[in-house]
């Protein structure tokens, strides 16, 4: 499919190990296995041909196509400035004149040439548009790119919604490889606590990597830290909960960082393991949700009312 929308988020939770969530840029190619989650998925490419109805000369129309491609690439969309190729989804661009202004128009087209969604850009003064400077065309492209990303995400979600085997209609299958590098009983305690925390209606654990949608593995690293209050020796602990897709590509990583009294975790972790695992389980669920797109709102068919676009923030 086009991509897998995932938003970068940061968690600052009131637990012994404060955490942050690190996930990849939106609209990266999810790979062949993930593309099977949608029926007749489009390739991981969106063609952006030179628009013949741009109210620009051919050279400036080409500049507009290049500007739009750059803007989409910056949003993580695998766009390519090229003529439409068989089997590709593509972006049809045009411009209309109204009241002394030019309105750029965009339409996402299926490989069969059917309209799937439309979006207008902000109006631009006719004189400025006809001059077709890089500044004007780049600005127009960057203004509309987030709305096009939202549209493409909705198209992907609609395809998943129509596929009974997608993660919109079944739990994600997770293989947990365990924890390594922790002092004391941390490897065992963290693993057990995570297993108890991760299960919910959206996610199930399995004992094999075979047919798993995601694999989770955890690394712990201890290092010296500056002395704490009363000159107490400290250690810095970093726990990283990696989430990988079936091809081993990292879908995201929930990272927990904290300074603790030196050697305080050399024995039993106890409640520290429980708190860290509960936070990590929430982060792993969010990574899977973002990477899979299972919570994204489907885009209605062309012509049907669209839900309100999310506000920028």
Protein backbone atom coordinates (compact mmCIF):
# COMPACT_ATOMS: atom_id res chain seq x y z
CA UNK A 1 0.00 0.00 0.00
CA UNK A 2 1.09 3.64 -0.20
CA UNK A 3 2.50 3.66 3.28
CA UNK A 4 1.89 3.29 6.90
CA UNK A 5 1.10 6.50 8.70
CA UNK A 6 2.84 6.80 12.03
CA UNK A 7 3.12 9.87 14.17
CA UNK A 8 6.10 10.71 16.33
CA UNK A 9 5.01 10.95 19.96
CA UNK A 10 6.70 11.50 23.28
CA UNK A 11 5.54 9.99 26.57
CA UNK A 12 6.49 11.41 29.96
CA UNK A 13 4.73 9.09 32.37
CA UNK A 14 4.85 9.06 36.15
CA UNK A 15 6.58 5.71 36.52
CA UNK A 16 10.06 4.83 37.79
CA UNK A 17 11.39 4.74 34.24
CA UNK A 18 10.19 7.69 32.18
CA UNK A 19 9.70 6.74 28.54
CA UNK A 20 9.53 8.11 25.07
CA UNK A 21 8.13 6.62 21.90
CA UNK A 22 10.16 6.72 18.72
CA UNK A 23 8.41 5.67 15.50
CA UNK A 24 9.34 6.03 11.82
CA UNK A 25 8.45 8.77 9.36
CA UNK A 26 4.98 8.49 7.82
CA UNK A 27 4.43 6.83 4.47
CA UNK A 28 7.46 4.57 4.24
CA UNK A 29 7.19 1.44 2.11
CA UNK A 30 5.96 -1.27 4.52
CA UNK A 31 7.26 -4.17 2.42
CA UNK A 32 5.54 -6.99 0.58
CA UNK A 33 4.23 -8.79 3.66
CA UNK A 34 2.53 -5.71 5.04
CA UNK A 35 1.07 -4.80 1.66
CA UNK A 36 -0.85 -8.08 1.76
CA UNK A 37 -3.01 -6.50 4.46
CA UNK A 38 -5.00 -4.65 1.78
CA UNK A 39 -7.01 -5.92 -1.17
CA UNK A 40 -5.37 -5.09 -4.54
CA UNK A 41 -2.94 -2.72 -2.83
CA UNK A 42 -1.32 0.02 -4.89
CA UNK A 43 2.44 -0.09 -5.30
CA UNK A 44 4.65 1.88 -2.93
CA UNK A 45 4.81 4.75 -5.40
CA UNK A 46 2.63 7.68 -6.43
CA UNK A 47 3.29 9.03 -9.92
CA UNK A 48 3.19 12.81 -10.35
CA UNK A 49 3.02 13.58 -14.10
CA UNK A 50 3.40 17.02 -15.65
CA UNK A 51 -0.14 18.50 -15.61
CA UNK A 52 -1.46 19.55 -19.04
CA UNK A 53 -4.23 21.75 -17.56
CA UNK A 54 -2.12 23.84 -15.22
CA UNK A 55 -2.59 27.34 -16.71
CA UNK A 56 1.22 27.33 -16.95
CA UNK A 57 3.60 26.79 -19.82
CA UNK A 58 5.09 23.31 -20.07
CA UNK A 59 8.34 24.22 -18.32
CA UNK A 60 6.56 25.78 -15.35
CA UNK A 61 4.09 22.89 -15.25
CA UNK A 62 7.09 20.60 -14.92
CA UNK A 63 8.42 22.77 -12.10
CA UNK A 64 5.06 22.43 -10.34
CA UNK A 65 5.16 18.64 -10.66
CA UNK A 66 8.68 18.60 -9.24
CA UNK A 67 7.64 20.89 -6.37
CA UNK A 68 4.68 18.66 -5.55
CA UNK A 69 6.90 15.58 -5.60
CA UNK A 70 9.38 17.18 -3.19
CA UNK A 71 6.59 18.25 -0.85
CA UNK A 72 5.15 14.74 -0.77
CA UNK A 73 8.56 13.17 -0.27
CA UNK A 74 9.12 15.49 2.68
CA UNK A 75 5.88 14.10 4.15
CA UNK A 76 7.16 10.56 3.62
CA UNK A 77 5.04 9.76 0.55
CA UNK A 78 6.98 7.74 -2.08
CA UNK A 79 6.14 10.14 -4.90
CA UNK A 80 7.92 10.10 -8.27
CA UNK A 81 7.80 12.91 -10.85
CA UNK A 82 7.18 10.86 -13.98
CA UNK A 83 4.48 9.99 -16.51
CA UNK A 84 1.81 7.59 -15.28
CA UNK A 85 2.99 3.99 -15.46
CA UNK A 86 0.71 0.96 -15.80
CA UNK A 87 -0.40 -0.31 -12.41
CA UNK A 88 0.52 2.89 -10.55
CA UNK A 89 -1.68 5.19 -8.54
CA UNK A 90 -1.11 8.80 -9.57
CA UNK A 91 -1.79 12.42 -8.70
CA UNK A 92 -3.71 14.42 -11.29
CA UNK A 93 -3.01 18.13 -10.93
CA UNK A 94 -4.85 21.00 -12.61
CA UNK A 95 -5.65 24.66 -12.03
CA UNK A 96 -8.79 26.75 -12.55
CA UNK A 97 -9.22 30.51 -12.73
CA UNK A 98 -11.86 32.16 -10.57
CA UNK A 99 -12.25 35.82 -9.60
CA UNK A 100 -8.73 36.83 -10.55
CA UNK A 101 -7.22 33.96 -8.62
CA UNK A 102 -5.95 30.50 -9.51
CA UNK A 103 -7.07 27.47 -7.52
CA UNK A 104 -4.72 24.46 -7.73
CA UNK A 105 -6.64 21.17 -7.79
CA UNK A 106 -5.46 17.69 -6.96
CA UNK A 107 -7.06 14.32 -7.58
CA UNK A 108 -5.78 10.92 -6.47
CA UNK A 109 -6.38 8.46 -9.32
CA UNK A 110 -6.43 4.67 -9.24
CA UNK A 111 -4.40 2.58 -11.73
CA UNK A 112 -7.66 2.15 -13.65
CA UNK A 113 -7.99 5.93 -14.00
CA UNK A 114 -10.85 6.24 -11.52
CA UNK A 115 -11.11 9.23 -9.23
CA UNK A 116 -10.52 8.29 -5.59
CA UNK A 117 -10.30 11.65 -3.83
CA UNK A 118 -9.92 15.38 -4.48
CA UNK A 119 -8.36 18.32 -2.69
CA UNK A 120 -8.07 22.02 -3.57
CA UNK A 121 -5.09 24.14 -2.62
CA UNK A 122 -5.28 27.71 -1.39
CA UNK A 123 -6.06 30.30 -4.11
CA UNK A 124 -3.11 32.21 -5.56
CA UNK A 125 -3.13 35.56 -7.35
CA UNK A 126 -3.35 34.97 -11.11
CA UNK A 127 -0.28 37.10 -11.86
CA UNK A 128 1.85 35.26 -9.31
CA UNK A 129 0.67 31.91 -10.66
CA UNK A 130 1.39 32.79 -14.28
CA UNK A 131 4.93 33.81 -13.35
CA UNK A 132 5.35 30.32 -11.90
CA UNK A 133 8.35 31.04 -9.72
CA UNK A 134 9.85 28.21 -7.70
CA UNK A 135 8.92 30.07 -4.51
CA UNK A 136 5.24 30.26 -5.44
CA UNK A 137 4.97 26.70 -6.71
CA UNK A 138 6.93 25.25 -3.79
CA UNK A 139 4.77 27.17 -1.33
CA UNK A 140 1.56 25.97 -2.96
CA UNK A 141 2.75 22.36 -2.97
CA UNK A 142 3.85 22.43 0.66
CA UNK A 143 0.57 24.03 1.74
CA UNK A 144 -1.56 21.21 0.33
CA UNK A 145 0.78 18.26 1.01
CA UNK A 146 -0.51 17.48 4.55
CA UNK A 147 -4.10 17.27 3.25
CA UNK A 148 -2.99 14.90 0.49
CA UNK A 149 -1.20 12.75 3.08
CA UNK A 150 -4.44 12.60 5.08
CA UNK A 151 -6.31 11.55 1.95
CA UNK A 152 -3.81 8.81 1.07
CA UNK A 153 -3.95 7.54 4.64
CA UNK A 154 -7.73 7.36 4.43
CA UNK A 155 -7.53 5.45 1.15
CA UNK A 156 -5.20 2.92 2.73
CA UNK A 157 -7.53 2.62 5.72
CA UNK A 158 -10.53 2.04 3.46
CA UNK A 159 -8.70 -0.79 1.71
CA UNK A 160 -7.82 -2.34 5.06
CA UNK A 161 -11.41 -1.93 6.20
CA UNK A 162 -12.57 -4.02 3.22
CA UNK A 163 -10.03 -6.76 3.90
CA UNK A 164 -11.26 -9.21 6.56
CA UNK A 165 -7.67 -10.33 7.16
CA UNK A 166 -6.28 -6.87 7.94
CA UNK A 167 -5.44 -5.70 11.44
CA UNK A 168 -8.66 -3.70 11.45
CA UNK A 169 -10.51 -6.99 11.84
CA UNK A 170 -8.20 -9.21 13.86
CA UNK A 171 -5.64 -8.90 16.67
CA UNK A 172 -1.99 -8.33 15.84
CA UNK A 173 0.09 -11.47 16.39
CA UNK A 174 3.20 -10.62 18.43
CA UNK A 175 6.26 -12.76 19.00
CA UNK A 176 8.23 -11.63 22.05
CA UNK A 177 11.90 -12.69 21.95
CA UNK A 178 12.62 -11.59 25.50
CA UNK A 179 14.99 -9.24 27.32
CA UNK A 180 18.79 -9.11 27.30
CA UNK A 181 21.44 -7.10 29.13
CA UNK A 182 19.62 -6.36 32.38
CA UNK A 183 21.41 -6.77 35.71
CA UNK A 184 20.00 -8.87 38.54
CA UNK A 185 16.81 -10.73 37.64
CA UNK A 186 15.84 -7.98 35.19
CA UNK A 187 15.82 -10.14 32.06
CA UNK A 188 13.35 -12.55 33.66
CA UNK A 189 11.29 -10.01 35.60
CA UNK A 190 10.88 -7.56 32.72
CA UNK A 191 9.95 -10.36 30.31
CA UNK A 192 7.31 -11.82 32.63
CA UNK A 193 5.86 -8.41 33.40
CA UNK A 194 5.68 -7.49 29.70
CA UNK A 195 3.92 -10.76 28.82
CA UNK A 196 1.33 -10.03 31.50
CA UNK A 197 0.89 -6.42 30.35
CA UNK A 198 0.73 -6.65 26.55
CA UNK A 199 -2.30 -8.87 26.08
CA UNK A 200 -5.50 -7.08 25.12
CA UNK A 201 -8.26 -7.49 22.49
CA UNK A 202 -6.04 -5.89 19.83
CA UNK A 203 -2.87 -7.89 20.46
CA UNK A 204 -2.07 -11.53 21.14
CA UNK A 205 1.24 -13.19 21.94
CA UNK A 206 2.47 -16.32 20.21
CA UNK A 207 5.44 -18.60 20.86
CA UNK A 208 6.95 -18.51 17.37
CA UNK A 209 8.09 -15.89 14.89
CA UNK A 210 6.28 -17.79 12.13
CA UNK A 211 3.35 -15.76 10.76
CA UNK A 212 3.85 -13.10 13.44
CA UNK A 213 2.84 -9.59 12.43
CA UNK A 214 5.44 -8.06 14.75
CA UNK A 215 8.40 -9.19 16.80
CA UNK A 216 9.33 -7.42 20.03
CA UNK A 217 12.77 -7.70 21.59
CA UNK A 218 14.21 -5.73 24.47
CA UNK A 219 17.72 -4.55 25.30
CA UNK A 220 18.93 -3.07 28.58
CA UNK A 221 22.12 -1.04 28.95
CA UNK A 222 23.65 0.26 32.17
CA UNK A 223 26.30 3.01 32.25
CA UNK A 224 27.86 5.34 34.84
CA UNK A 225 25.92 8.52 35.66
CA UNK A 226 26.77 11.73 37.55
CA UNK A 227 26.52 11.49 41.31
CA UNK A 228 23.13 12.16 42.83
CA UNK A 229 22.10 13.96 46.01
CA UNK A 230 24.45 13.46 48.94
CA UNK A 231 27.09 12.32 46.42
CA UNK A 232 25.38 8.95 46.02
CA UNK A 233 26.82 6.91 43.13
CA UNK A 234 24.36 6.67 40.22
CA UNK A 235 23.88 4.53 37.13
CA UNK A 236 22.09 5.41 33.91
CA UNK A 237 19.71 2.74 32.61
CA UNK A 238 18.36 2.58 29.08
CA UNK A 239 15.66 0.04 28.18
CA UNK A 240 14.69 -0.17 24.51
CA UNK A 241 11.65 -2.15 23.41
CA UNK A 242 12.17 -2.75 19.69
CA UNK A 243 9.21 -3.56 17.44
CA UNK A 244 10.03 -5.13 14.06
CA UNK A 245 7.84 -6.11 11.11
CA UNK A 246 7.99 -9.59 9.49
CA UNK A 247 11.07 -8.57 7.46
CA UNK A 248 12.99 -7.31 10.47
CA UNK A 249 12.46 -3.65 9.62
CA UNK A 250 12.02 -1.63 12.78
CA UNK A 251 8.49 -0.29 13.10
CA UNK A 252 9.41 1.73 16.16
CA UNK A 253 11.09 1.60 19.54
CA UNK A 254 9.82 2.55 22.99
CA UNK A 255 12.82 3.84 24.93
CA UNK A 256 12.92 4.24 28.72
CA UNK A 257 15.69 6.29 30.36
CA UNK A 258 16.39 6.85 34.04
CA UNK A 259 19.14 7.36 36.59
CA UNK A 260 19.08 5.00 39.57
CA UNK A 261 21.22 4.41 42.63
CA UNK A 262 24.27 2.42 41.59
CA UNK A 263 23.72 -1.35 41.76
CA UNK A 264 20.16 -0.94 43.09
CA UNK A 265 18.95 -3.24 40.29
CA UNK A 266 21.60 -5.90 40.75
CA UNK A 267 19.07 -8.11 42.57
CA UNK A 268 15.30 -8.38 42.31
CA UNK A 269 13.57 -5.73 40.19
CA UNK A 270 10.13 -6.21 41.76
CA UNK A 271 7.72 -3.32 41.15
CA UNK A 272 10.24 -1.54 38.93
CA UNK A 273 9.85 -4.31 36.33
CA UNK A 274 6.05 -4.13 36.57
CA UNK A 275 5.96 -0.36 36.09
CA UNK A 276 8.46 -0.39 33.23
CA UNK A 277 6.63 -3.23 31.44
CA UNK A 278 3.22 -1.59 31.76
CA UNK A 279 4.54 1.61 30.22
CA UNK A 280 6.38 -0.33 27.52
CA UNK A 281 3.28 -2.35 26.63
CA UNK A 282 1.35 0.87 26.02
CA UNK A 283 4.19 2.14 23.82
CA UNK A 284 4.37 -1.10 21.83
CA UNK A 285 0.61 -1.03 21.24
CA UNK A 286 0.87 2.55 19.98
CA UNK A 287 3.73 1.67 17.63
CA UNK A 288 1.75 -1.23 16.15
CA UNK A 289 -1.37 0.91 15.82
CA UNK A 290 0.51 3.73 14.10
CA UNK A 291 2.60 1.50 11.86
CA UNK A 292 -0.28 -0.74 10.77
CA UNK A 293 -2.81 2.06 10.35
CA UNK A 294 -5.44 -0.08 12.07
CA UNK A 295 -7.00 2.93 13.82
CA UNK A 296 -7.02 5.27 10.81
CA UNK A 297 -10.37 6.51 9.53
CA UNK A 298 -11.29 5.08 6.10
CA UNK A 299 -11.82 7.60 3.30
CA UNK A 300 -15.38 7.30 1.94
CA UNK A 301 -15.78 6.55 -1.78
CA UNK A 302 -15.37 9.53 -4.10
CA UNK A 303 -18.50 11.67 -3.93
CA UNK A 304 -19.46 10.59 -0.41
CA UNK A 305 -19.14 13.06 2.48
CA UNK A 306 -15.64 13.17 3.95
CA UNK A 307 -14.93 13.39 7.66
CA UNK A 308 -13.45 16.67 8.84
CA UNK A 309 -9.70 16.87 8.33
CA UNK A 310 -7.63 16.92 11.52
CA UNK A 311 -6.40 20.35 12.55
CA UNK A 312 -2.70 21.05 12.21
CA UNK A 313 -0.81 20.79 15.45
